[in-house]
Amino acid sequence: MADYATPFLHYFPRFVWNFVQTVVGFDKTYHLDLGMLPMMGRNDVGGTSTKNLMHWTQMVRSGYFQAFDYGSPAAN
């Protein structure tokens, strides 16, 4: 992805930032230097686990920042 991301991030940083804000929410303040986006695109970030995604989903649905809910012992 870095082969395509770096030039795209270089030429269209505001488009990319608007896409990011669409996902995480809009703010009038740029919280990063848009000139750094190509460098960020060159760096390969680590993945995440399915459990981490499930935990995030639980927190979004509940509206609370809390530990992972495994459910009741009877349900397992």
N, C-alpha and C. Protein backbone atom coordinates (compact mmCIF):
# COMPACT_ATOMS: atom_id res chain seq x y z
N MET A 1 0.82 -1.20 0.00
CA MET A 1 0.00 0.00 0.00
C MET A 1 0.86 1.26 0.00
N ALA A 2 2.01 1.18 0.61
CA ALA A 2 2.86 2.37 0.71
C ALA A 2 3.27 2.89 -0.65
N ASP A 3 3.37 2.01 -1.65
CA ASP A 3 3.75 2.46 -2.98
C ASP A 3 2.70 3.38 -3.58
N TYR A 4 1.45 3.19 -3.22
CA TYR A 4 0.38 4.03 -3.72
C TYR A 4 0.02 5.14 -2.74
N ALA A 5 0.17 4.86 -1.47
CA ALA A 5 -0.27 5.81 -0.45
C ALA A 5 0.61 7.06 -0.41
N THR A 6 1.91 6.89 -0.52
CA THR A 6 2.81 8.03 -0.35
C THR A 6 2.55 9.13 -1.38
N PRO A 7 2.49 8.83 -2.69
CA PRO A 7 2.21 9.92 -3.63
C PRO A 7 0.80 10.51 -3.44
N PHE A 8 -0.16 9.65 -3.13
CA PHE A 8 -1.53 10.12 -2.91
C PHE A 8 -1.57 11.07 -1.72
N LEU A 9 -0.90 10.67 -0.62
CA LEU A 9 -0.86 11.53 0.56
C LEU A 9 -0.10 12.81 0.30
N HIS A 10 0.89 12.75 -0.57
CA HIS A 10 1.68 13.93 -0.90
C HIS A 10 0.86 14.95 -1.68
N TYR A 11 0.09 14.48 -2.66
CA TYR A 11 -0.65 15.40 -3.54
C TYR A 11 -2.04 15.76 -3.03
N PHE A 12 -2.62 14.93 -2.18
CA PHE A 12 -3.99 15.18 -1.72
C PHE A 12 -4.11 15.09 -0.20
N PRO A 13 -3.29 15.81 0.57
CA PRO A 13 -3.34 15.67 2.03
C PRO A 13 -4.66 16.14 2.64
N ARG A 14 -5.25 17.19 2.10
CA ARG A 14 -6.51 17.67 2.67
C ARG A 14 -7.65 16.69 2.42
N PHE A 15 -7.65 16.05 1.25
CA PHE A 15 -8.66 15.03 0.96
C PHE A 15 -8.54 13.89 1.95
N VAL A 16 -7.31 13.45 2.21
CA VAL A 16 -7.09 12.35 3.15
C VAL A 16 -7.53 12.77 4.55
N TRP A 17 -7.17 13.99 4.95
CA TRP A 17 -7.55 14.45 6.28
C TRP A 17 -9.07 14.56 6.40
N ASN A 18 -9.74 15.02 5.35
CA ASN A 18 -11.21 15.08 5.39
C ASN A 18 -11.81 13.69 5.52
N PHE A 19 -11.21 12.70 4.85
CA PHE A 19 -11.67 11.32 4.99
C PHE A 19 -11.49 10.83 6.43
N VAL A 20 -10.33 11.13 7.02
CA VAL A 20 -10.08 10.73 8.41
C VAL A 20 -11.11 11.38 9.32
N GLN A 21 -11.39 12.65 9.11
CA GLN A 21 -12.36 13.34 9.94
C GLN A 21 -13.77 12.78 9.73
N THR A 22 -14.08 12.30 8.55
CA THR A 22 -15.38 11.67 8.32
C THR A 22 -15.51 10.43 9.20
N VAL A 23 -14.43 9.72 9.38
CA VAL A 23 -14.46 8.50 10.19
C VAL A 23 -14.48 8.83 11.69
N VAL A 24 -13.64 9.75 12.15
CA VAL A 24 -13.48 9.99 13.58
C VAL A 24 -14.21 11.23 14.09
N GLY A 25 -14.71 12.06 13.21
CA GLY A 25 -15.42 13.27 13.64
C GLY A 25 -14.68 14.53 13.19
N PHE A 26 -15.43 15.57 12.89
CA PHE A 26 -14.85 16.81 12.37
C PHE A 26 -14.42 17.74 13.48
N ASP A 27 -13.37 18.49 13.20
CA ASP A 27 -12.83 19.48 14.11
C ASP A 27 -12.21 20.57 13.24
N LYS A 28 -12.33 21.82 13.65
CA LYS A 28 -11.78 22.91 12.85
C LYS A 28 -10.26 22.99 12.93
N THR A 29 -9.66 22.36 13.92
CA THR A 29 -8.22 22.42 14.13
C THR A 29 -7.54 21.21 13.53
N TYR A 30 -6.47 21.44 12.77
CA TYR A 30 -5.64 20.33 12.30
C TYR A 30 -4.75 19.90 13.46
N HIS A 31 -4.87 18.65 13.86
CA HIS A 31 -4.10 18.17 15.00
C HIS A 31 -2.82 17.48 14.55
N LEU A 32 -2.45 17.65 13.30
CA LEU A 32 -1.20 17.12 12.79
C LEU A 32 -0.77 17.97 11.62
N ASP A 33 0.49 17.85 11.30
CA ASP A 33 1.05 18.57 10.16
C ASP A 33 0.73 17.77 8.90
N LEU A 34 -0.07 18.33 7.99
CA LEU A 34 -0.46 17.61 6.78
C LEU A 34 0.75 17.23 5.93
N GLY A 35 1.84 17.95 6.07
CA GLY A 35 3.06 17.62 5.36
C GLY A 35 3.69 16.31 5.84
N MET A 36 3.26 15.84 7.03
CA MET A 36 3.79 14.59 7.57
C MET A 36 3.03 13.37 7.06
N LEU A 37 1.90 13.57 6.38
CA LEU A 37 1.10 12.44 5.92
C LEU A 37 1.86 11.49 4.98
N PRO A 38 2.67 11.98 4.01
CA PRO A 38 3.43 11.03 3.18
C PRO A 38 4.37 10.15 4.00
N MET A 39 5.02 10.72 5.01
CA MET A 39 5.90 9.93 5.87
C MET A 39 5.10 8.87 6.62
N MET A 40 3.92 9.23 7.08
CA MET A 40 3.07 8.27 7.78
C MET A 40 2.63 7.15 6.84
N GLY A 41 2.41 7.48 5.58
CA GLY A 41 2.03 6.48 4.60
C GLY A 41 3.14 5.50 4.28
N ARG A 42 4.38 5.94 4.42
CA ARG A 42 5.52 5.06 4.16
C ARG A 42 5.76 4.07 5.28
N ASN A 43 5.33 4.38 6.47
CA ASN A 43 5.56 3.51 7.62
C ASN A 43 4.48 2.43 7.67
N ASP A 44 4.94 1.21 7.80
CA ASP A 44 4.03 0.08 7.91
C ASP A 44 3.62 -0.06 9.36
N VAL A 45 2.34 0.06 9.61
CA VAL A 45 1.86 -0.05 10.98
C VAL A 45 1.50 -1.49 11.29
N GLY A 46 1.57 -1.84 12.54
CA GLY A 46 1.22 -3.18 12.97
C GLY A 46 -0.28 -3.39 12.91
N GLY A 47 -0.66 -4.62 12.85
CA GLY A 47 -2.07 -4.97 12.80
C GLY A 47 -2.69 -4.97 14.18
N THR A 48 -3.88 -5.50 14.26
CA THR A 48 -4.58 -5.61 15.52
C THR A 48 -5.28 -6.96 15.56
N SER A 49 -5.75 -7.34 16.70
CA SER A 49 -6.40 -8.63 16.84
C SER A 49 -7.91 -8.50 16.68
N THR A 50 -8.54 -9.62 16.42
CA THR A 50 -10.00 -9.64 16.33
C THR A 50 -10.62 -9.28 17.68
N LYS A 51 -10.01 -9.75 18.76
CA LYS A 51 -10.52 -9.43 20.10
C LYS A 51 -10.48 -7.92 20.34
N ASN A 52 -9.42 -7.26 19.89
CA ASN A 52 -9.32 -5.82 20.05
C ASN A 52 -10.45 -5.11 19.30
N LEU A 53 -10.75 -5.58 18.09
CA LEU A 53 -11.87 -5.00 17.34
C LEU A 53 -13.20 -5.25 18.02
N MET A 54 -13.37 -6.45 18.59
CA MET A 54 -14.60 -6.75 19.33
C MET A 54 -14.73 -5.86 20.56
N HIS A 55 -13.60 -5.62 21.26
CA HIS A 55 -13.60 -4.75 22.43
C HIS A 55 -13.99 -3.33 22.04
N TRP A 56 -13.42 -2.82 20.96
CA TRP A 56 -13.76 -1.48 20.47
C TRP A 56 -15.25 -1.40 20.15
N THR A 57 -15.77 -2.42 19.48
CA THR A 57 -17.20 -2.45 19.13
C THR A 57 -18.06 -2.42 20.39
N GLN A 58 -17.68 -3.19 21.41
CA GLN A 58 -18.42 -3.18 22.67
C GLN A 58 -18.45 -1.78 23.28
N MET A 59 -17.30 -1.11 23.26
CA MET A 59 -17.24 0.23 23.86
C MET A 59 -18.08 1.22 23.07
N VAL A 60 -18.08 1.14 21.76
CA VAL A 60 -18.89 2.05 20.95
C VAL A 60 -20.37 1.81 21.21
N ARG A 61 -20.77 0.56 21.24
CA ARG A 61 -22.20 0.23 21.46
C ARG A 61 -22.67 0.61 22.85
N SER A 62 -21.82 0.39 23.87
CA SER A 62 -22.24 0.69 25.25
C SER A 62 -22.10 2.17 25.59
N GLY A 63 -21.19 2.85 24.91
CA GLY A 63 -20.95 4.26 25.22
C GLY A 63 -20.03 4.45 26.40
N TYR A 64 -19.40 3.37 26.88
CA TYR A 64 -18.51 3.44 28.02
C TYR A 64 -17.13 2.91 27.67
N PHE A 65 -16.11 3.52 28.28
CA PHE A 65 -14.74 3.02 28.16
C PHE A 65 -14.55 2.05 29.32
N GLN A 66 -14.49 0.78 29.02
CA GLN A 66 -14.44 -0.23 30.08
C GLN A 66 -13.71 -1.47 29.59
N ALA A 67 -13.46 -2.40 30.52
CA ALA A 67 -12.78 -3.64 30.19
C ALA A 67 -13.64 -4.49 29.27
N PHE A 68 -12.99 -5.42 28.57
CA PHE A 68 -13.68 -6.33 27.66
C PHE A 68 -14.72 -7.15 28.43
N ASP A 69 -15.92 -7.22 27.91
CA ASP A 69 -17.01 -7.97 28.54
C ASP A 69 -17.11 -9.35 27.88
N TYR A 70 -16.71 -10.36 28.63
CA TYR A 70 -16.75 -11.73 28.10
C TYR A 70 -18.15 -12.34 28.19
N GLY A 71 -19.08 -11.66 28.83
CA GLY A 71 -20.42 -12.21 29.00
C GLY A 71 -20.51 -12.98 30.32
N SER A 72 -21.69 -13.49 30.60
CA SER A 72 -21.87 -14.23 31.86
C SER A 72 -21.24 -15.62 31.73
N PRO A 73 -20.78 -16.19 32.85
CA PRO A 73 -20.16 -17.52 32.80
C PRO A 73 -21.11 -18.59 32.27
N ALA A 74 -22.40 -18.44 32.50
CA ALA A 74 -23.38 -19.43 32.03
C ALA A 74 -23.50 -19.41 30.51
N ALA A 75 -23.24 -18.24 29.90
CA ALA A 75 -23.36 -18.12 28.44
C ALA A 75 -22.19 -18.77 27.72
N ASN A 76 -21.07 -18.95 28.42
CA ASN A 76 -19.88 -19.54 27.80
C ASN A 76 -20.02 -20.99 27.83
